[in-house]
Amino acid sequence: QVQLVESGGGLVQAGDSLRLSCKASGRSVSSEGVTWYRRAPGKERVFVAMIGHLGTTLYGDSVEGRFTISRDNATNIVYLQMNNLKHEDTAIYYCSLNVSWGQGTQITVSS
């Protein structure tokens, strides 16, 4: 059974940086793609970034150039480095591997 645990969220100011972690158990993060999504208040969940099993990365338009997804195969963690955070980045961030989801971590960016 795959379990995913996100961490690293918090309250920050616009322009700050944060790094989210997605710790996986039960399946290797290098075995297939891991994706970050987010859901802003009152909005639908949207794609943020993905890292494929070969290490290929893909980003949503709104975060391209500011966010970086990476992984540590030794610890089985996928990271999302978020720089130059904006108010519109405020959301609950979730990671997903295969059909499994984490519980999410809240990021609030004050303007």
N, C-alpha and C. Protein backbone atom coordinates (compact mmCIF):
# COMPACT_ATOMS: atom_id res chain seq x y z
N GLN A 1 0.85 -1.19 0.00
CA GLN A 1 0.00 0.00 0.00
C GLN A 1 0.88 1.24 0.00
N VAL A 2 0.58 2.15 -0.91
CA VAL A 2 1.36 3.38 -1.02
C VAL A 2 0.81 4.41 -0.05
N GLN A 3 1.72 5.06 0.67
CA GLN A 3 1.34 6.17 1.52
C GLN A 3 2.22 7.36 1.19
N LEU A 4 1.60 8.53 1.12
CA LEU A 4 2.30 9.76 0.81
C LEU A 4 2.02 10.77 1.92
N VAL A 5 3.07 11.42 2.38
CA VAL A 5 2.94 12.42 3.43
C VAL A 5 3.63 13.70 2.99
N GLU A 6 2.84 14.76 2.84
CA GLU A 6 3.40 16.06 2.48
C GLU A 6 3.75 16.84 3.74
N SER A 7 4.75 17.68 3.63
CA SER A 7 5.13 18.57 4.73
C SER A 7 5.84 19.78 4.16
N GLY A 8 6.01 20.79 5.02
CA GLY A 8 6.75 21.97 4.61
C GLY A 8 5.92 23.21 4.37
N GLY A 9 4.61 23.07 4.47
CA GLY A 9 3.75 24.22 4.25
C GLY A 9 3.83 25.22 5.39
N GLY A 10 3.19 26.36 5.17
CA GLY A 10 3.17 27.36 6.21
C GLY A 10 2.69 28.69 5.71
N LEU A 11 2.86 29.70 6.55
CA LEU A 11 2.47 31.07 6.23
C LEU A 11 3.73 31.87 5.91
N VAL A 12 3.75 32.44 4.72
CA VAL A 12 4.91 33.21 4.29
C VAL A 12 4.45 34.52 3.65
N GLN A 13 5.40 35.38 3.38
CA GLN A 13 5.11 36.62 2.69
C GLN A 13 5.43 36.50 1.21
N ALA A 14 4.80 37.32 0.42
CA ALA A 14 5.08 37.34 -1.01
C ALA A 14 6.58 37.56 -1.22
N GLY A 15 7.15 36.78 -2.14
CA GLY A 15 8.57 36.87 -2.42
C GLY A 15 9.41 35.86 -1.68
N ASP A 16 8.83 35.25 -0.66
CA ASP A 16 9.56 34.25 0.12
C ASP A 16 9.66 32.92 -0.63
N SER A 17 10.41 32.00 -0.05
CA SER A 17 10.58 30.67 -0.61
C SER A 17 10.16 29.61 0.41
N LEU A 18 9.74 28.48 -0.10
CA LEU A 18 9.41 27.33 0.73
C LEU A 18 9.81 26.07 -0.03
N ARG A 19 10.06 25.01 0.71
CA ARG A 19 10.30 23.73 0.08
C ARG A 19 9.35 22.71 0.68
N LEU A 20 8.54 22.13 -0.18
CA LEU A 20 7.63 21.08 0.24
C LEU A 20 8.30 19.72 0.04
N SER A 21 7.90 18.79 0.89
CA SER A 21 8.38 17.42 0.78
C SER A 21 7.20 16.47 0.64
N CYS A 22 7.40 15.44 -0.14
CA CYS A 22 6.42 14.38 -0.29
C CYS A 22 7.15 13.07 -0.02
N LYS A 23 6.93 12.54 1.18
CA LYS A 23 7.59 11.31 1.58
C LYS A 23 6.72 10.13 1.21
N ALA A 24 7.27 9.21 0.43
CA ALA A 24 6.51 8.04 -0.01
C ALA A 24 6.97 6.79 0.72
N SER A 25 6.02 5.91 0.96
CA SER A 25 6.33 4.59 1.48
C SER A 25 5.47 3.59 0.75
N GLY A 26 6.01 2.40 0.56
CA GLY A 26 5.29 1.36 -0.13
C GLY A 26 5.54 1.30 -1.63
N ARG A 27 6.20 2.33 -2.15
CA ARG A 27 6.52 2.37 -3.57
C ARG A 27 7.63 3.38 -3.78
N SER A 28 8.52 3.08 -4.71
CA SER A 28 9.63 3.99 -4.96
C SER A 28 9.17 5.18 -5.79
N VAL A 29 9.63 6.37 -5.41
CA VAL A 29 9.28 7.58 -6.17
C VAL A 29 9.95 7.60 -7.54
N SER A 30 10.91 6.72 -7.76
CA SER A 30 11.56 6.65 -9.06
C SER A 30 10.94 5.59 -9.97
N SER A 31 9.95 4.88 -9.44
CA SER A 31 9.33 3.81 -10.22
C SER A 31 8.34 4.35 -11.25
N GLU A 32 7.77 5.50 -10.97
CA GLU A 32 6.84 6.15 -11.88
C GLU A 32 6.73 7.61 -11.49
N GLY A 33 5.95 8.34 -12.23
CA GLY A 33 5.88 9.77 -11.98
C GLY A 33 5.22 10.15 -10.67
N VAL A 34 5.69 11.24 -10.11
CA VAL A 34 5.07 11.85 -8.93
C VAL A 34 4.67 13.26 -9.32
N THR A 35 3.47 13.61 -8.96
CA THR A 35 2.90 14.89 -9.37
C THR A 35 2.47 15.70 -8.17
N TRP A 36 2.71 17.00 -8.25
CA TRP A 36 2.18 17.95 -7.28
C TRP A 36 0.99 18.66 -7.90
N TYR A 37 -0.07 18.77 -7.10
CA TYR A 37 -1.25 19.54 -7.47
C TYR A 37 -1.52 20.54 -6.36
N ARG A 38 -2.38 21.48 -6.65
CA ARG A 38 -2.82 22.38 -5.59
C ARG A 38 -4.28 22.74 -5.80
N ARG A 39 -4.91 23.07 -4.69
CA ARG A 39 -6.30 23.52 -4.73
C ARG A 39 -6.41 24.79 -3.93
N ALA A 40 -6.73 25.86 -4.63
CA ALA A 40 -6.92 27.16 -3.97
C ALA A 40 -8.34 27.24 -3.43
N PRO A 41 -8.56 28.09 -2.46
CA PRO A 41 -9.90 28.23 -1.88
C PRO A 41 -10.96 28.52 -2.94
N GLY A 42 -11.99 27.70 -2.98
CA GLY A 42 -13.08 27.91 -3.90
C GLY A 42 -12.79 27.53 -5.35
N LYS A 43 -11.65 26.91 -5.58
CA LYS A 43 -11.28 26.56 -6.96
C LYS A 43 -11.02 25.07 -7.08
N GLU A 44 -10.93 24.61 -8.30
CA GLU A 44 -10.65 23.21 -8.53
C GLU A 44 -9.15 22.92 -8.40
N ARG A 45 -8.85 21.65 -8.21
CA ARG A 45 -7.47 21.24 -8.14
C ARG A 45 -6.79 21.42 -9.50
N VAL A 46 -5.56 21.91 -9.46
CA VAL A 46 -4.82 22.13 -10.71
C VAL A 46 -3.44 21.52 -10.62
N PHE A 47 -2.91 21.21 -11.77
CA PHE A 47 -1.57 20.65 -11.89
C PHE A 47 -0.52 21.71 -11.58
N VAL A 48 0.52 21.29 -10.82
CA VAL A 48 1.61 22.20 -10.50
C VAL A 48 2.90 21.74 -11.16
N ALA A 49 3.31 20.50 -10.89
CA ALA A 49 4.58 20.01 -11.42
C ALA A 49 4.60 18.49 -11.35
N MET A 50 5.43 17.90 -12.21
CA MET A 50 5.57 16.46 -12.24
C MET A 50 7.01 16.09 -12.51
N ILE A 51 7.44 15.00 -11.91
CA ILE A 51 8.74 14.42 -12.24
C ILE A 51 8.49 12.97 -12.64
N GLY A 52 8.91 12.62 -13.85
CA GLY A 52 8.71 11.29 -14.37
C GLY A 52 9.73 10.29 -13.85
N HIS A 53 9.52 9.03 -14.14
CA HIS A 53 10.40 8.00 -13.61
C HIS A 53 11.82 8.13 -14.17
N LEU A 54 11.96 8.74 -15.32
CA LEU A 54 13.29 8.97 -15.88
C LEU A 54 13.88 10.32 -15.45
N GLY A 55 13.12 11.06 -14.66
CA GLY A 55 13.61 12.34 -14.18
C GLY A 55 13.16 13.53 -14.98
N THR A 56 12.38 13.30 -16.02
CA THR A 56 11.85 14.41 -16.80
C THR A 56 10.88 15.22 -15.96
N THR A 57 10.95 16.53 -16.08
CA THR A 57 10.08 17.40 -15.29
C THR A 57 9.15 18.20 -16.18
N LEU A 58 8.03 18.57 -15.61
CA LEU A 58 7.01 19.34 -16.31
C LEU A 58 6.36 20.25 -15.30
N TYR A 59 6.04 21.49 -15.73
CA TYR A 59 5.50 22.49 -14.82
C TYR A 59 4.25 23.14 -15.39
N GLY A 60 3.39 23.54 -14.48
CA GLY A 60 2.26 24.35 -14.90
C GLY A 60 2.72 25.74 -15.29
N ASP A 61 1.95 26.39 -16.13
CA ASP A 61 2.35 27.69 -16.66
C ASP A 61 2.55 28.72 -15.56
N SER A 62 1.72 28.65 -14.53
CA SER A 62 1.76 29.68 -13.50
C SER A 62 2.95 29.56 -12.56
N VAL A 63 3.65 28.42 -12.59
CA VAL A 63 4.78 28.22 -11.69
C VAL A 63 6.09 28.04 -12.43
N GLU A 64 6.04 27.92 -13.74
CA GLU A 64 7.24 27.72 -14.55
C GLU A 64 8.24 28.83 -14.25
N GLY A 65 9.48 28.42 -13.96
CA GLY A 65 10.52 29.40 -13.68
C GLY A 65 10.64 29.79 -12.21
N ARG A 66 9.63 29.45 -11.42
CA ARG A 66 9.68 29.78 -9.98
C ARG A 66 9.76 28.53 -9.11
N PHE A 67 9.15 27.46 -9.57
CA PHE A 67 9.13 26.21 -8.80
C PHE A 67 10.04 25.19 -9.46
N THR A 68 10.63 24.33 -8.63
CA THR A 68 11.49 23.26 -9.12
C THR A 68 11.14 21.97 -8.40
N ILE A 69 10.86 20.94 -9.17
CA ILE A 69 10.57 19.63 -8.59
C ILE A 69 11.82 18.76 -8.70
N SER A 70 12.07 17.99 -7.65
CA SER A 70 13.22 17.10 -7.65
C SER A 70 12.92 15.91 -6.75
N ARG A 71 13.81 14.95 -6.73
CA ARG A 71 13.57 13.80 -5.86
C ARG A 71 14.89 13.27 -5.33
N ASP A 72 14.78 12.61 -4.20
CA ASP A 72 15.92 11.94 -3.58
C ASP A 72 15.56 10.46 -3.50
N ASN A 73 16.14 9.68 -4.37
CA ASN A 73 15.79 8.26 -4.42
C ASN A 73 16.19 7.53 -3.14
N ALA A 74 17.23 7.99 -2.50
CA ALA A 74 17.71 7.31 -1.29
C ALA A 74 16.72 7.42 -0.14
N THR A 75 16.07 8.57 -0.03
CA THR A 75 15.11 8.79 1.06
C THR A 75 13.66 8.63 0.58
N ASN A 76 13.51 8.45 -0.72
CA ASN A 76 12.16 8.27 -1.30
C ASN A 76 11.28 9.50 -1.07
N ILE A 77 11.86 10.66 -1.30
CA ILE A 77 11.15 11.92 -1.12
C ILE A 77 11.19 12.73 -2.42
N VAL A 78 10.08 13.31 -2.75
CA VAL A 78 10.01 14.26 -3.85
C VAL A 78 9.83 15.65 -3.25
N TYR A 79 10.61 16.59 -3.75
CA TYR A 79 10.58 17.95 -3.24
C TYR A 79 9.95 18.90 -4.25
N LEU A 80 9.40 19.97 -3.72
CA LEU A 80 8.94 21.06 -4.57
C LEU A 80 9.51 22.34 -3.97
N GLN A 81 10.53 22.86 -4.61
CA GLN A 81 11.14 24.13 -4.19
C GLN A 81 10.35 25.26 -4.82
N MET A 82 9.85 26.14 -4.00
CA MET A 82 9.01 27.23 -4.48
C MET A 82 9.67 28.55 -4.13
N ASN A 83 10.01 29.29 -5.15
CA ASN A 83 10.66 30.59 -4.96
C ASN A 83 9.75 31.72 -5.43
N ASN A 84 10.02 32.89 -4.92
CA ASN A 84 9.26 34.08 -5.32
C ASN A 84 7.75 33.81 -5.22
N LEU A 85 7.34 33.35 -4.07
CA LEU A 85 5.93 33.00 -3.89
C LEU A 85 5.03 34.22 -4.03
N LYS A 86 3.86 33.98 -4.59
CA LYS A 86 2.88 35.03 -4.81
C LYS A 86 1.61 34.69 -4.03
N HIS A 87 0.80 35.71 -3.83
CA HIS A 87 -0.45 35.51 -3.10
C HIS A 87 -1.29 34.42 -3.77
N GLU A 88 -1.27 34.40 -5.09
CA GLU A 88 -2.08 33.43 -5.83
C GLU A 88 -1.55 32.00 -5.72
N ASP A 89 -0.41 31.81 -5.07
CA ASP A 89 0.08 30.46 -4.80
C ASP A 89 -0.57 29.87 -3.55
N THR A 90 -1.34 30.67 -2.85
CA THR A 90 -2.04 30.18 -1.66
C THR A 90 -2.96 29.03 -2.03
N ALA A 91 -2.77 27.90 -1.39
CA ALA A 91 -3.55 26.70 -1.71
C ALA A 91 -3.13 25.56 -0.78
N ILE A 92 -3.87 24.48 -0.88
CA ILE A 92 -3.43 23.23 -0.29
C ILE A 92 -2.70 22.46 -1.38
N TYR A 93 -1.51 22.00 -1.07
CA TYR A 93 -0.69 21.31 -2.04
C TYR A 93 -0.69 19.80 -1.74
N TYR A 94 -0.93 19.04 -2.77
CA TYR A 94 -1.00 17.59 -2.66
C TYR A 94 0.01 16.93 -3.59
N CYS A 95 0.56 15.82 -3.16
CA CYS A 95 1.36 15.02 -4.08
C CYS A 95 0.61 13.73 -4.38
N SER A 96 0.92 13.19 -5.55
CA SER A 96 0.24 11.99 -6.00
C SER A 96 1.23 11.06 -6.69
N LEU A 97 1.10 9.78 -6.42
CA LEU A 97 1.89 8.74 -7.05
C LEU A 97 0.93 7.63 -7.41
N ASN A 98 0.88 7.33 -8.71
CA ASN A 98 -0.09 6.35 -9.20
C ASN A 98 -1.48 6.83 -8.82
N VAL A 99 -2.23 6.08 -8.07
CA VAL A 99 -3.58 6.50 -7.68
C VAL A 99 -3.64 6.94 -6.23
N SER A 100 -2.49 7.06 -5.60
CA SER A 100 -2.44 7.43 -4.19
C SER A 100 -2.22 8.92 -4.03
N TRP A 101 -2.79 9.47 -2.96
CA TRP A 101 -2.69 10.90 -2.65
C TRP A 101 -2.28 11.08 -1.20
N GLY A 102 -1.56 12.18 -0.98
CA GLY A 102 -1.28 12.56 0.38
C GLY A 102 -2.43 13.37 0.96
N GLN A 103 -2.27 13.80 2.20
CA GLN A 103 -3.33 14.53 2.89
C GLN A 103 -3.27 16.03 2.58
N GLY A 104 -2.18 16.46 2.01
CA GLY A 104 -2.04 17.87 1.64
C GLY A 104 -1.34 18.69 2.70
N THR A 105 -0.76 19.79 2.26
CA THR A 105 -0.12 20.74 3.16
C THR A 105 -0.50 22.15 2.71
N GLN A 106 -0.87 22.97 3.67
CA GLN A 106 -1.39 24.30 3.37
C GLN A 106 -0.27 25.31 3.23
N ILE A 107 -0.36 26.10 2.18
CA ILE A 107 0.54 27.24 1.99
C ILE A 107 -0.31 28.50 1.89
N THR A 108 0.03 29.46 2.70
CA THR A 108 -0.64 30.75 2.66
C THR A 108 0.40 31.82 2.43
N VAL A 109 0.21 32.59 1.37
CA VAL A 109 1.15 33.65 1.02
C VAL A 109 0.45 34.98 1.22
N SER A 110 0.96 35.75 2.14
CA SER A 110 0.37 37.06 2.40
C SER A 110 0.98 38.08 1.44
N SER A 111 0.14 38.97 0.96
CA SER A 111 0.61 39.95 -0.01
C SER A 111 1.01 41.24 0.67
